[in-house]
Amino acid sequence: MRLRFVYDMISYHSVSTSMESTLYEGDFFWASYRTTNNQFYVWRILLFIWIFYGFHQQFAIWIYLLHAV
């Protein structure tokens, strides 16, 4: 469920970045949010690293608590 939400968020982000030059031209928020493809892929990699690191950290905490019991 968490990975499905992340996948939907990333796919929506990619669609919005491809459409922002045509649909949101002149809008200040999208103009300040506009980025290149290289920066987008870097942010996608950082997002996956953060999610999987948090998941494994939570998994390790549960194992520690079960061993403590």
N, C-alpha and C. Protein backbone atom coordinates (compact mmCIF):
# COMPACT_ATOMS: atom_id res chain seq x y z
N MET A 1 0.84 -1.20 0.00
CA MET A 1 0.00 0.00 0.00
C MET A 1 0.87 1.25 0.00
N ARG A 2 1.94 1.23 0.79
CA ARG A 2 2.83 2.39 0.84
C ARG A 2 3.58 2.56 -0.48
N LEU A 3 4.07 1.45 -1.05
CA LEU A 3 4.79 1.54 -2.31
C LEU A 3 3.85 1.91 -3.45
N ARG A 4 2.58 1.47 -3.37
CA ARG A 4 1.61 1.83 -4.40
C ARG A 4 1.34 3.34 -4.37
N PHE A 5 1.24 3.90 -3.18
CA PHE A 5 1.05 5.33 -3.06
C PHE A 5 2.24 6.10 -3.60
N VAL A 6 3.44 5.59 -3.31
CA VAL A 6 4.66 6.26 -3.80
C VAL A 6 4.73 6.18 -5.31
N TYR A 7 4.36 5.01 -5.87
CA TYR A 7 4.39 4.87 -7.33
C TYR A 7 3.40 5.82 -8.00
N ASP A 8 2.21 5.95 -7.43
CA ASP A 8 1.23 6.89 -7.97
C ASP A 8 1.72 8.32 -7.86
N MET A 9 2.37 8.65 -6.77
CA MET A 9 2.87 10.00 -6.58
C MET A 9 3.98 10.31 -7.59
N ILE A 10 4.88 9.35 -7.83
CA ILE A 10 5.97 9.58 -8.78
C ILE A 10 5.43 9.67 -10.20
N SER A 11 4.47 8.80 -10.55
CA SER A 11 3.92 8.85 -11.90
C SER A 11 3.16 10.15 -12.11
N TYR A 12 2.43 10.62 -11.10
CA TYR A 12 1.74 11.90 -11.22
C TYR A 12 2.73 13.04 -11.34
N HIS A 13 3.84 12.93 -10.63
CA HIS A 13 4.87 13.97 -10.69
C HIS A 13 5.50 14.01 -12.07
N SER A 14 5.73 12.86 -12.67
CA SER A 14 6.33 12.84 -14.01
C SER A 14 5.37 13.41 -15.05
N VAL A 15 4.08 13.10 -14.91
CA VAL A 15 3.09 13.64 -15.85
C VAL A 15 3.00 15.16 -15.68
N SER A 16 3.01 15.62 -14.44
CA SER A 16 2.89 17.06 -14.21
C SER A 16 4.12 17.80 -14.72
N THR A 17 5.30 17.20 -14.59
CA THR A 17 6.50 17.88 -15.08
C THR A 17 6.53 17.92 -16.60
N SER A 18 5.93 16.91 -17.26
CA SER A 18 5.91 16.93 -18.72
C SER A 18 4.85 17.89 -19.25
N MET A 19 3.83 18.16 -18.47
CA MET A 19 2.74 19.02 -18.92
C MET A 19 2.84 20.44 -18.40
N GLU A 20 3.81 20.72 -17.55
CA GLU A 20 3.82 22.01 -16.89
C GLU A 20 4.12 23.16 -17.85
N SER A 21 4.89 22.88 -18.93
CA SER A 21 5.25 23.97 -19.84
C SER A 21 4.06 24.38 -20.70
N THR A 22 3.07 23.49 -20.87
CA THR A 22 1.92 23.83 -21.71
C THR A 22 0.72 24.26 -20.89
N LEU A 23 0.47 23.60 -19.76
CA LEU A 23 -0.74 23.89 -18.99
C LEU A 23 -0.53 25.01 -17.98
N TYR A 24 0.64 25.09 -17.39
CA TYR A 24 0.85 26.00 -16.28
C TYR A 24 1.84 27.11 -16.63
N GLU A 25 1.82 27.55 -17.87
CA GLU A 25 2.75 28.60 -18.28
C GLU A 25 2.37 29.93 -17.63
N GLY A 26 3.34 30.59 -17.00
CA GLY A 26 3.08 31.87 -16.38
C GLY A 26 2.68 31.78 -14.92
N ASP A 27 2.38 30.60 -14.42
CA ASP A 27 2.02 30.48 -13.02
C ASP A 27 3.29 30.50 -12.18
N PHE A 28 3.29 31.26 -11.10
CA PHE A 28 4.52 31.44 -10.32
C PHE A 28 4.94 30.16 -9.62
N PHE A 29 3.97 29.41 -9.09
CA PHE A 29 4.32 28.19 -8.37
C PHE A 29 4.98 27.17 -9.29
N TRP A 30 4.38 26.95 -10.45
CA TRP A 30 4.94 25.96 -11.36
C TRP A 30 6.22 26.46 -12.01
N ALA A 31 6.33 27.80 -12.15
CA ALA A 31 7.57 28.35 -12.70
C ALA A 31 8.72 28.17 -11.72
N SER A 32 8.46 28.34 -10.44
CA SER A 32 9.50 28.11 -9.44
C SER A 32 9.75 26.62 -9.23
N TYR A 33 8.75 25.79 -9.56
CA TYR A 33 8.88 24.35 -9.36
C TYR A 33 9.51 23.66 -10.58
N ARG A 34 9.67 24.38 -11.69
CA ARG A 34 10.15 23.77 -12.92
C ARG A 34 11.60 23.30 -12.75
N THR A 35 11.91 22.13 -13.28
CA THR A 35 13.24 21.56 -13.10
C THR A 35 13.62 20.78 -14.34
N THR A 36 14.87 20.37 -14.43
CA THR A 36 15.34 19.59 -15.56
C THR A 36 15.14 18.11 -15.31
N ASN A 37 15.34 17.30 -16.36
CA ASN A 37 15.15 15.86 -16.23
C ASN A 37 16.20 15.24 -15.32
N ASN A 38 17.42 15.74 -15.36
CA ASN A 38 18.48 15.18 -14.51
C ASN A 38 18.16 15.40 -13.04
N GLN A 39 17.71 16.60 -12.70
CA GLN A 39 17.34 16.86 -11.31
C GLN A 39 16.15 16.00 -10.90
N PHE A 40 15.22 15.77 -11.83
CA PHE A 40 14.06 14.94 -11.50
C PHE A 40 14.48 13.51 -11.18
N TYR A 41 15.39 12.95 -11.98
CA TYR A 41 15.83 11.58 -11.70
C TYR A 41 16.62 11.50 -10.40
N VAL A 42 17.39 12.55 -10.08
CA VAL A 42 18.11 12.55 -8.81
C VAL A 42 17.13 12.57 -7.65
N TRP A 43 16.08 13.39 -7.75
CA TRP A 43 15.09 13.43 -6.67
C TRP A 43 14.32 12.13 -6.57
N ARG A 44 14.08 11.46 -7.72
CA ARG A 44 13.39 10.16 -7.66
C ARG A 44 14.25 9.13 -6.94
N ILE A 45 15.56 9.11 -7.24
CA ILE A 45 16.47 8.17 -6.57
C ILE A 45 16.54 8.47 -5.07
N LEU A 46 16.64 9.76 -4.72
CA LEU A 46 16.69 10.11 -3.30
C LEU A 46 15.40 9.73 -2.59
N LEU A 47 14.27 9.86 -3.28
CA LEU A 47 12.99 9.48 -2.67
C LEU A 47 12.94 7.98 -2.39
N PHE A 48 13.39 7.16 -3.36
CA PHE A 48 13.39 5.72 -3.15
C PHE A 48 14.36 5.33 -2.04
N ILE A 49 15.53 5.98 -1.98
CA ILE A 49 16.48 5.67 -0.91
C ILE A 49 15.88 6.00 0.45
N TRP A 50 15.20 7.14 0.54
CA TRP A 50 14.61 7.55 1.82
C TRP A 50 13.50 6.59 2.23
N ILE A 51 12.68 6.15 1.27
CA ILE A 51 11.56 5.26 1.60
C ILE A 51 12.07 3.89 2.04
N PHE A 52 13.00 3.31 1.28
CA PHE A 52 13.48 1.98 1.62
C PHE A 52 14.33 2.01 2.89
N TYR A 53 15.06 3.09 3.11
CA TYR A 53 15.82 3.20 4.36
C TYR A 53 14.87 3.27 5.55
N GLY A 54 13.81 4.04 5.42
CA GLY A 54 12.83 4.13 6.50
C GLY A 54 12.13 2.80 6.73
N PHE A 55 11.83 2.07 5.64
CA PHE A 55 11.16 0.78 5.78
C PHE A 55 12.06 -0.23 6.49
N HIS A 56 13.32 -0.31 6.08
CA HIS A 56 14.24 -1.26 6.71
C HIS A 56 14.54 -0.86 8.16
N GLN A 57 14.58 0.44 8.42
CA GLN A 57 14.81 0.88 9.79
C GLN A 57 13.63 0.49 10.68
N GLN A 58 12.42 0.66 10.17
CA GLN A 58 11.25 0.26 10.93
C GLN A 58 11.22 -1.26 11.15
N PHE A 59 11.62 -2.02 10.12
CA PHE A 59 11.67 -3.47 10.23
C PHE A 59 12.69 -3.90 11.28
N ALA A 60 13.84 -3.20 11.31
CA ALA A 60 14.86 -3.53 12.31
C ALA A 60 14.38 -3.20 13.72
N ILE A 61 13.64 -2.12 13.85
CA ILE A 61 13.11 -1.76 15.18
C ILE A 61 12.12 -2.82 15.67
N TRP A 62 11.27 -3.33 14.76
CA TRP A 62 10.32 -4.37 15.16
C TRP A 62 11.05 -5.66 15.55
N ILE A 63 12.11 -6.02 14.82
CA ILE A 63 12.88 -7.22 15.19
C ILE A 63 13.52 -7.04 16.57
N TYR A 64 14.04 -5.84 16.83
CA TYR A 64 14.65 -5.57 18.13
C TYR A 64 13.62 -5.67 19.25
N LEU A 65 12.42 -5.15 19.01
CA LEU A 65 11.38 -5.22 20.05
C LEU A 65 10.93 -6.66 20.26
N LEU A 66 10.82 -7.45 19.21
CA LEU A 66 10.42 -8.85 19.37
C LEU A 66 11.49 -9.65 20.10
N HIS A 67 12.75 -9.37 19.83
CA HIS A 67 13.81 -10.06 20.55
C HIS A 67 13.87 -9.61 22.00
N ALA A 68 13.49 -8.36 22.28
CA ALA A 68 13.48 -7.90 23.67
C ALA A 68 12.39 -8.60 24.46
N VAL A 69 11.28 -8.95 23.79
CA VAL A 69 10.20 -9.67 24.47
C VAL A 69 10.62 -11.13 24.63
